[in-house]
Amino acid sequence: MKQTMIVVADSTRARIFTAESASSALNEIEVMVHPESREHDREITSDLPGKGAGADSSAGHSYQGETDPKKHELVEFTRSISGYLENTRNANKLSRLLIVASPPVLGELRAHLSSSIKEKIVFELDKNLTQHSAVDIRDHLPKYLSH
């Protein structure tokens, strides 16, 4: 059965809801957590960057990682959310999609969603509501969800 799904996400948590009808309450069906996004950079990286000698061997400089550890964790988490949505679509269970996410997550999620998932999006809101109740989240969505 195809459903309207609502994804509410920040960098550490994604809550997935469905709605039975166009005006019904939300039913939480899945919670995805990514605690690595909460860690400090020093906890994410295993050690400090190496040092290289200068041309005259007197001064050195640090090698920097190619990506920011926090950004890397955000990319990994949004890829897993995108994978979940893709699996749901492949199982023919997704009719419409509403996304409520903090601005950085919403932007990164858009970059990882396939065109077939993007076609299902009927509403986006750039707000962090992951800590809110299902009733409060529902109040931020359109009064009648498309079915």
N, C-alpha and C. Protein backbone atom coordinates (compact mmCIF):
# COMPACT_ATOMS: atom_id res chain seq x y z
N MET A 1 0.84 -1.19 0.00
CA MET A 1 0.00 0.00 0.00
C MET A 1 0.88 1.24 0.00
N LYS A 2 0.64 2.15 -0.94
CA LYS A 2 1.40 3.40 -0.99
C LYS A 2 0.92 4.34 0.11
N GLN A 3 1.89 5.10 0.66
CA GLN A 3 1.58 5.96 1.79
C GLN A 3 2.19 7.34 1.62
N THR A 4 1.62 8.28 2.33
CA THR A 4 2.26 9.58 2.47
C THR A 4 3.24 9.45 3.63
N MET A 5 4.50 9.79 3.37
CA MET A 5 5.52 9.71 4.41
C MET A 5 6.02 11.10 4.74
N ILE A 6 6.37 11.27 6.01
CA ILE A 6 6.90 12.53 6.50
C ILE A 6 8.24 12.23 7.17
N VAL A 7 9.29 12.89 6.72
CA VAL A 7 10.62 12.74 7.30
C VAL A 7 10.91 14.01 8.09
N VAL A 8 11.26 13.85 9.36
CA VAL A 8 11.63 14.96 10.22
C VAL A 8 13.04 14.67 10.70
N ALA A 9 14.00 15.53 10.32
CA ALA A 9 15.40 15.17 10.57
C ALA A 9 16.27 16.36 10.98
N ASP A 10 17.29 16.02 11.76
CA ASP A 10 18.41 16.92 12.01
C ASP A 10 19.68 16.10 11.78
N SER A 11 20.82 16.59 12.18
CA SER A 11 22.07 15.89 11.86
C SER A 11 22.29 14.61 12.67
N THR A 12 21.49 14.38 13.70
CA THR A 12 21.69 13.19 14.54
C THR A 12 20.51 12.24 14.59
N ARG A 13 19.35 12.68 14.10
CA ARG A 13 18.15 11.88 14.26
C ARG A 13 17.18 12.15 13.12
N ALA A 14 16.57 11.09 12.63
CA ALA A 14 15.50 11.22 11.63
C ALA A 14 14.32 10.39 12.11
N ARG A 15 13.17 11.02 12.10
CA ARG A 15 11.93 10.34 12.48
C ARG A 15 11.07 10.23 11.22
N ILE A 16 10.56 9.04 10.98
CA ILE A 16 9.75 8.79 9.79
C ILE A 16 8.31 8.54 10.24
N PHE A 17 7.41 9.27 9.66
CA PHE A 17 5.99 9.15 9.99
C PHE A 17 5.20 8.80 8.73
N THR A 18 4.01 8.26 8.94
CA THR A 18 3.03 8.10 7.87
C THR A 18 1.74 8.76 8.32
N ALA A 19 0.87 9.02 7.35
CA ALA A 19 -0.44 9.58 7.65
C ALA A 19 -1.49 8.71 6.97
N GLU A 20 -2.48 8.29 7.73
CA GLU A 20 -3.53 7.40 7.22
C GLU A 20 -4.43 8.08 6.19
N SER A 21 -4.75 9.33 6.46
CA SER A 21 -5.61 10.07 5.55
C SER A 21 -5.07 11.49 5.38
N ALA A 22 -5.73 12.26 4.54
CA ALA A 22 -5.26 13.60 4.23
C ALA A 22 -5.24 14.54 5.43
N SER A 23 -6.05 14.28 6.43
CA SER A 23 -6.10 15.17 7.59
C SER A 23 -5.81 14.44 8.91
N SER A 24 -5.29 13.24 8.84
CA SER A 24 -5.10 12.44 10.06
C SER A 24 -3.83 12.81 10.82
N ALA A 25 -3.75 12.26 12.01
CA ALA A 25 -2.57 12.41 12.86
C ALA A 25 -1.42 11.62 12.25
N LEU A 26 -0.21 11.89 12.72
CA LEU A 26 0.98 11.20 12.24
C LEU A 26 1.24 9.94 13.05
N ASN A 27 1.67 8.89 12.36
CA ASN A 27 2.07 7.64 13.01
C ASN A 27 3.57 7.47 12.81
N GLU A 28 4.32 7.44 13.90
CA GLU A 28 5.77 7.27 13.78
C GLU A 28 6.07 5.81 13.51
N ILE A 29 6.80 5.54 12.39
CA ILE A 29 7.08 4.16 12.01
C ILE A 29 8.56 3.80 12.12
N GLU A 30 9.43 4.80 12.18
CA GLU A 30 10.87 4.53 12.20
C GLU A 30 11.61 5.69 12.83
N VAL A 31 12.68 5.37 13.56
CA VAL A 31 13.59 6.38 14.09
C VAL A 31 15.00 5.95 13.71
N MET A 32 15.69 6.84 13.03
CA MET A 32 17.09 6.58 12.65
C MET A 32 17.95 7.52 13.49
N VAL A 33 18.99 6.99 14.09
CA VAL A 33 19.89 7.84 14.88
C VAL A 33 21.31 7.73 14.34
N HIS A 34 22.03 8.83 14.48
CA HIS A 34 23.41 8.90 14.03
C HIS A 34 24.21 9.65 15.10
N PRO A 35 24.57 8.96 16.20
CA PRO A 35 25.23 9.64 17.31
C PRO A 35 26.61 10.21 16.95
N GLU A 36 27.23 9.70 15.89
CA GLU A 36 28.55 10.21 15.50
C GLU A 36 28.51 11.70 15.17
N SER A 37 27.37 12.20 14.73
CA SER A 37 27.25 13.61 14.40
C SER A 37 27.30 14.50 15.64
N ARG A 38 27.06 13.93 16.81
CA ARG A 38 27.12 14.70 18.05
C ARG A 38 28.53 14.85 18.59
N GLU A 39 29.41 13.98 18.15
CA GLU A 39 30.76 13.98 18.69
C GLU A 39 31.55 15.21 18.25
N HIS A 40 32.52 15.57 19.05
CA HIS A 40 33.42 16.66 18.69
C HIS A 40 34.36 16.17 17.60
N ASP A 41 34.89 17.11 16.84
CA ASP A 41 35.83 16.74 15.76
C ASP A 41 36.95 15.86 16.27
N ARG A 42 37.47 16.18 17.45
CA ARG A 42 38.61 15.42 17.98
C ARG A 42 38.22 13.98 18.31
N GLU A 43 36.93 13.73 18.57
CA GLU A 43 36.47 12.37 18.85
C GLU A 43 36.19 11.59 17.56
N ILE A 44 35.85 12.31 16.50
CA ILE A 44 35.55 11.66 15.23
C ILE A 44 36.83 11.21 14.54
N THR A 45 37.83 12.09 14.55
CA THR A 45 39.09 11.74 13.90
C THR A 45 39.94 10.94 14.87
N SER A 46 40.66 9.97 14.35
CA SER A 46 41.40 9.06 15.22
C SER A 46 42.69 9.66 15.77
N ASP A 47 43.30 10.56 15.02
CA ASP A 47 44.52 11.19 15.51
C ASP A 47 44.71 12.53 14.82
N LEU A 48 45.72 13.24 15.25
CA LEU A 48 45.99 14.56 14.69
C LEU A 48 46.61 14.41 13.30
N PRO A 49 46.49 15.45 12.47
CA PRO A 49 47.11 15.38 11.16
C PRO A 49 48.63 15.26 11.28
N GLY A 50 49.24 14.65 10.29
CA GLY A 50 50.70 14.51 10.29
C GLY A 50 51.37 15.83 9.99
N LYS A 51 52.67 15.87 10.13
CA LYS A 51 53.43 17.08 9.84
C LYS A 51 54.38 16.80 8.70
N GLY A 52 54.57 17.81 7.88
CA GLY A 52 55.52 17.70 6.79
C GLY A 52 56.61 18.74 6.96
N ALA A 53 57.79 18.42 6.53
CA ALA A 53 58.91 19.35 6.64
C ALA A 53 58.82 20.37 5.52
N GLY A 54 59.25 21.60 5.82
CA GLY A 54 59.31 22.65 4.80
C GLY A 54 60.44 22.35 3.84
N ALA A 55 60.51 23.15 2.78
CA ALA A 55 61.53 22.95 1.74
C ALA A 55 62.95 23.03 2.31
N ASP A 56 63.16 23.92 3.28
CA ASP A 56 64.50 24.05 3.85
C ASP A 56 64.65 23.26 5.15
N SER A 57 63.69 22.39 5.44
CA SER A 57 63.70 21.53 6.63
C SER A 57 63.65 22.28 7.94
N SER A 58 63.35 23.59 7.89
CA SER A 58 63.31 24.35 9.14
C SER A 58 61.90 24.51 9.67
N ALA A 59 60.94 24.63 8.80
CA ALA A 59 59.57 24.85 9.25
C ALA A 59 58.68 23.75 8.69
N GLY A 60 57.72 23.35 9.47
CA GLY A 60 56.81 22.32 9.03
C GLY A 60 55.40 22.85 8.92
N HIS A 61 54.56 22.08 8.35
CA HIS A 61 53.15 22.43 8.27
C HIS A 61 52.32 21.17 8.48
N SER A 62 51.11 21.37 8.93
CA SER A 62 50.21 20.23 9.19
C SER A 62 49.46 19.87 7.92
N TYR A 63 49.27 18.58 7.74
CA TYR A 63 48.42 18.12 6.66
C TYR A 63 46.98 18.18 7.15
N GLN A 64 46.12 18.75 6.37
CA GLN A 64 44.71 18.84 6.74
C GLN A 64 43.93 17.75 6.03
N GLY A 65 42.93 17.24 6.70
CA GLY A 65 42.04 16.27 6.07
C GLY A 65 41.29 16.93 4.92
N GLU A 66 40.86 16.13 3.97
CA GLU A 66 40.19 16.68 2.80
C GLU A 66 38.79 17.18 3.12
N THR A 67 38.13 16.59 4.12
CA THR A 67 36.79 17.03 4.47
C THR A 67 36.69 17.24 5.98
N ASP A 68 35.80 18.11 6.33
CA ASP A 68 35.50 18.36 7.73
C ASP A 68 34.80 17.12 8.30
N PRO A 69 35.24 16.62 9.45
CA PRO A 69 34.63 15.40 10.01
C PRO A 69 33.12 15.54 10.23
N LYS A 70 32.66 16.70 10.68
CA LYS A 70 31.23 16.91 10.91
C LYS A 70 30.46 16.83 9.59
N LYS A 71 31.02 17.44 8.56
CA LYS A 71 30.40 17.41 7.24
C LYS A 71 30.33 15.98 6.72
N HIS A 72 31.41 15.23 6.92
CA HIS A 72 31.45 13.83 6.49
C HIS A 72 30.33 13.03 7.18
N GLU A 73 30.15 13.22 8.48
CA GLU A 73 29.10 12.50 9.21
C GLU A 73 27.71 12.90 8.72
N LEU A 74 27.54 14.19 8.41
CA LEU A 74 26.25 14.66 7.88
C LEU A 74 25.96 13.99 6.54
N VAL A 75 26.97 13.92 5.68
CA VAL A 75 26.81 13.27 4.38
C VAL A 75 26.43 11.80 4.57
N GLU A 76 27.13 11.11 5.47
CA GLU A 76 26.84 9.70 5.70
C GLU A 76 25.41 9.50 6.20
N PHE A 77 24.97 10.35 7.11
CA PHE A 77 23.63 10.20 7.66
C PHE A 77 22.56 10.50 6.61
N THR A 78 22.74 11.56 5.84
CA THR A 78 21.74 11.88 4.82
C THR A 78 21.71 10.80 3.73
N ARG A 79 22.84 10.17 3.47
CA ARG A 79 22.85 9.05 2.52
C ARG A 79 22.02 7.87 3.06
N SER A 80 22.11 7.64 4.36
CA SER A 80 21.32 6.53 4.93
C SER A 80 19.82 6.85 4.91
N ILE A 81 19.46 8.10 5.15
CA ILE A 81 18.05 8.50 5.05
C ILE A 81 17.58 8.33 3.61
N SER A 82 18.38 8.80 2.68
CA SER A 82 18.05 8.67 1.27
C SER A 82 17.90 7.20 0.87
N GLY A 83 18.78 6.34 1.38
CA GLY A 83 18.70 4.91 1.10
C GLY A 83 17.41 4.30 1.63
N TYR A 84 17.01 4.72 2.83
CA TYR A 84 15.75 4.24 3.41
C TYR A 84 14.57 4.62 2.50
N LEU A 85 14.56 5.88 2.06
CA LEU A 85 13.48 6.34 1.20
C LEU A 85 13.48 5.61 -0.14
N GLU A 86 14.65 5.36 -0.67
CA GLU A 86 14.76 4.64 -1.94
C GLU A 86 14.23 3.21 -1.79
N ASN A 87 14.57 2.55 -0.69
CA ASN A 87 14.06 1.20 -0.45
C ASN A 87 12.54 1.20 -0.32
N THR A 88 12.00 2.21 0.33
CA THR A 88 10.55 2.33 0.48
C THR A 88 9.89 2.54 -0.88
N ARG A 89 10.48 3.39 -1.70
CA ARG A 89 9.95 3.62 -3.05
C ARG A 89 10.03 2.35 -3.89
N ASN A 90 11.17 1.65 -3.81
CA ASN A 90 11.34 0.40 -4.56
C ASN A 90 10.34 -0.67 -4.15
N ALA A 91 9.91 -0.63 -2.90
CA ALA A 91 8.90 -1.58 -2.41
C ALA A 91 7.48 -1.11 -2.74
N ASN A 92 7.39 -0.02 -3.51
CA ASN A 92 6.10 0.54 -3.93
C ASN A 92 5.23 0.96 -2.75
N LYS A 93 5.87 1.56 -1.73
CA LYS A 93 5.14 1.98 -0.53
C LYS A 93 5.12 3.49 -0.35
N LEU A 94 5.60 4.24 -1.33
CA LEU A 94 5.71 5.69 -1.17
C LEU A 94 4.92 6.41 -2.26
N SER A 95 3.90 7.17 -1.83
CA SER A 95 3.13 7.94 -2.81
C SER A 95 3.51 9.41 -2.77
N ARG A 96 3.65 9.95 -1.57
CA ARG A 96 4.00 11.37 -1.40
C ARG A 96 5.01 11.48 -0.25
N LEU A 97 5.82 12.53 -0.33
CA LEU A 97 6.85 12.73 0.69
C LEU A 97 6.86 14.17 1.15
N LEU A 98 6.86 14.35 2.46
CA LEU A 98 7.02 15.66 3.06
C LEU A 98 8.30 15.62 3.88
N ILE A 99 9.11 16.66 3.78
CA ILE A 99 10.38 16.70 4.50
C ILE A 99 10.44 17.94 5.37
N VAL A 100 10.72 17.72 6.65
CA VAL A 100 10.96 18.79 7.60
C VAL A 100 12.34 18.54 8.18
N ALA A 101 13.29 19.44 7.90
CA ALA A 101 14.66 19.19 8.35
C ALA A 101 15.37 20.51 8.61
N SER A 102 16.37 20.43 9.49
CA SER A 102 17.19 21.61 9.74
C SER A 102 17.84 22.01 8.41
N PRO A 103 18.10 23.30 8.20
CA PRO A 103 18.61 23.75 6.89
C PRO A 103 19.82 22.98 6.35
N PRO A 104 20.87 22.71 7.16
CA PRO A 104 21.99 21.96 6.58
C PRO A 104 21.60 20.54 6.16
N VAL A 105 20.74 19.91 6.93
CA VAL A 105 20.31 18.55 6.60
C VAL A 105 19.43 18.55 5.36
N LEU A 106 18.53 19.51 5.27
CA LEU A 106 17.65 19.60 4.10
C LEU A 106 18.48 19.78 2.83
N GLY A 107 19.46 20.66 2.87
CA GLY A 107 20.31 20.87 1.70
C GLY A 107 21.09 19.63 1.32
N GLU A 108 21.67 18.97 2.29
CA GLU A 108 22.45 17.77 2.01
C GLU A 108 21.56 16.62 1.56
N LEU A 109 20.38 16.52 2.14
CA LEU A 109 19.44 15.47 1.75
C LEU A 109 19.01 15.65 0.30
N ARG A 110 18.73 16.89 -0.10
CA ARG A 110 18.36 17.16 -1.49
C ARG A 110 19.44 16.65 -2.45
N ALA A 111 20.70 16.81 -2.06
CA ALA A 111 21.81 16.40 -2.92
C ALA A 111 21.88 14.89 -3.10
N HIS A 112 21.33 14.12 -2.16
CA HIS A 112 21.45 12.66 -2.21
C HIS A 112 20.17 11.95 -2.65
N LEU A 113 19.08 12.67 -2.78
CA LEU A 113 17.83 12.03 -3.21
C LEU A 113 17.84 11.81 -4.72
N SER A 114 17.36 10.66 -5.13
CA SER A 114 17.26 10.37 -6.56
C SER A 114 16.13 11.20 -7.16
N SER A 115 16.14 11.33 -8.47
CA SER A 115 15.09 12.10 -9.14
C SER A 115 13.72 11.45 -8.92
N SER A 116 13.67 10.13 -8.82
CA SER A 116 12.38 9.46 -8.59
C SER A 116 11.83 9.76 -7.20
N ILE A 117 12.70 9.97 -6.23
CA ILE A 117 12.23 10.37 -4.89
C ILE A 117 11.84 11.85 -4.91
N LYS A 118 12.63 12.68 -5.57
CA LYS A 118 12.32 14.12 -5.63
C LYS A 118 10.95 14.37 -6.25
N GLU A 119 10.55 13.53 -7.19
CA GLU A 119 9.23 13.66 -7.81
C GLU A 119 8.10 13.45 -6.80
N LYS A 120 8.37 12.73 -5.73
CA LYS A 120 7.36 12.43 -4.71
C LYS A 120 7.20 13.54 -3.68
N ILE A 121 8.16 14.48 -3.61
CA ILE A 121 8.13 15.54 -2.60
C ILE A 121 7.01 16.54 -2.91
N VAL A 122 6.14 16.74 -1.93
CA VAL A 122 5.04 17.69 -2.08
C VAL A 122 5.15 18.86 -1.10
N PHE A 123 6.09 18.75 -0.15
CA PHE A 123 6.24 19.81 0.86
C PHE A 123 7.62 19.71 1.49
N GLU A 124 8.26 20.87 1.69
CA GLU A 124 9.53 20.94 2.43
C GLU A 124 9.45 22.09 3.42
N LEU A 125 10.04 21.89 4.58
CA LEU A 125 10.13 22.94 5.59
C LEU A 125 11.52 22.88 6.20
N ASP A 126 12.24 24.01 6.18
CA ASP A 126 13.60 24.04 6.73
C ASP A 126 13.57 24.47 8.20
N LYS A 127 13.19 23.51 9.04
CA LYS A 127 13.07 23.73 10.47
C LYS A 127 13.46 22.46 11.20
N ASN A 128 14.06 22.61 12.36
CA ASN A 128 14.42 21.44 13.17
C ASN A 128 13.30 21.16 14.15
N LEU A 129 12.53 20.12 13.89
CA LEU A 129 11.41 19.74 14.75
C LEU A 129 11.57 18.34 15.33
N THR A 130 12.77 17.78 15.30
CA THR A 130 12.96 16.39 15.73
C THR A 130 12.61 16.16 17.19
N GLN A 131 12.73 17.17 18.02
CA GLN A 131 12.44 17.02 19.44
C GLN A 131 10.97 17.32 19.79
N HIS A 132 10.19 17.67 18.79
CA HIS A 132 8.78 18.02 19.01
C HIS A 132 7.90 16.78 18.98
N SER A 133 6.73 16.90 19.55
CA SER A 133 5.76 15.80 19.54
C SER A 133 5.17 15.65 18.13
N ALA A 134 4.59 14.49 17.87
CA ALA A 134 3.96 14.24 16.58
C ALA A 134 2.82 15.25 16.34
N VAL A 135 2.11 15.61 17.38
CA VAL A 135 1.01 16.58 17.26
C VAL A 135 1.56 17.94 16.85
N ASP A 136 2.66 18.37 17.46
CA ASP A 136 3.26 19.66 17.13
C ASP A 136 3.83 19.65 15.71
N ILE A 137 4.45 18.54 15.33
CA ILE A 137 4.98 18.42 13.96
C ILE A 137 3.83 18.52 12.97
N ARG A 138 2.72 17.83 13.25
CA ARG A 138 1.55 17.86 12.36
C ARG A 138 1.04 19.28 12.18
N ASP A 139 1.12 20.11 13.24
CA ASP A 139 0.67 21.50 13.16
C ASP A 139 1.51 22.34 12.20
N HIS A 140 2.74 21.92 11.93
CA HIS A 140 3.62 22.64 11.01
C HIS A 140 3.43 22.22 9.55
N LEU A 141 2.66 21.17 9.33
CA LEU A 141 2.43 20.65 7.98
C LEU A 141 1.15 21.24 7.40
N PRO A 142 0.96 21.13 6.10
CA PRO A 142 -0.30 21.61 5.51
C PRO A 142 -1.49 20.92 6.17
N LYS A 143 -2.62 21.63 6.26
CA LYS A 143 -3.79 21.10 6.92
C LYS A 143 -4.27 19.78 6.30
N TYR A 144 -4.23 19.73 4.98
CA TYR A 144 -4.63 18.50 4.28
C TYR A 144 -3.44 17.99 3.49
N LEU A 145 -2.98 16.80 3.84
CA LEU A 145 -1.87 16.17 3.14
C LEU A 145 -2.40 15.58 1.84
N SER A 146 -1.72 15.79 0.77
CA SER A 146 -2.15 15.23 -0.52
C SER A 146 -2.15 13.72 -0.49
N HIS A 147 -3.16 13.12 -1.02
CA HIS A 147 -3.23 11.65 -1.17
C HIS A 147 -3.56 11.30 -2.58
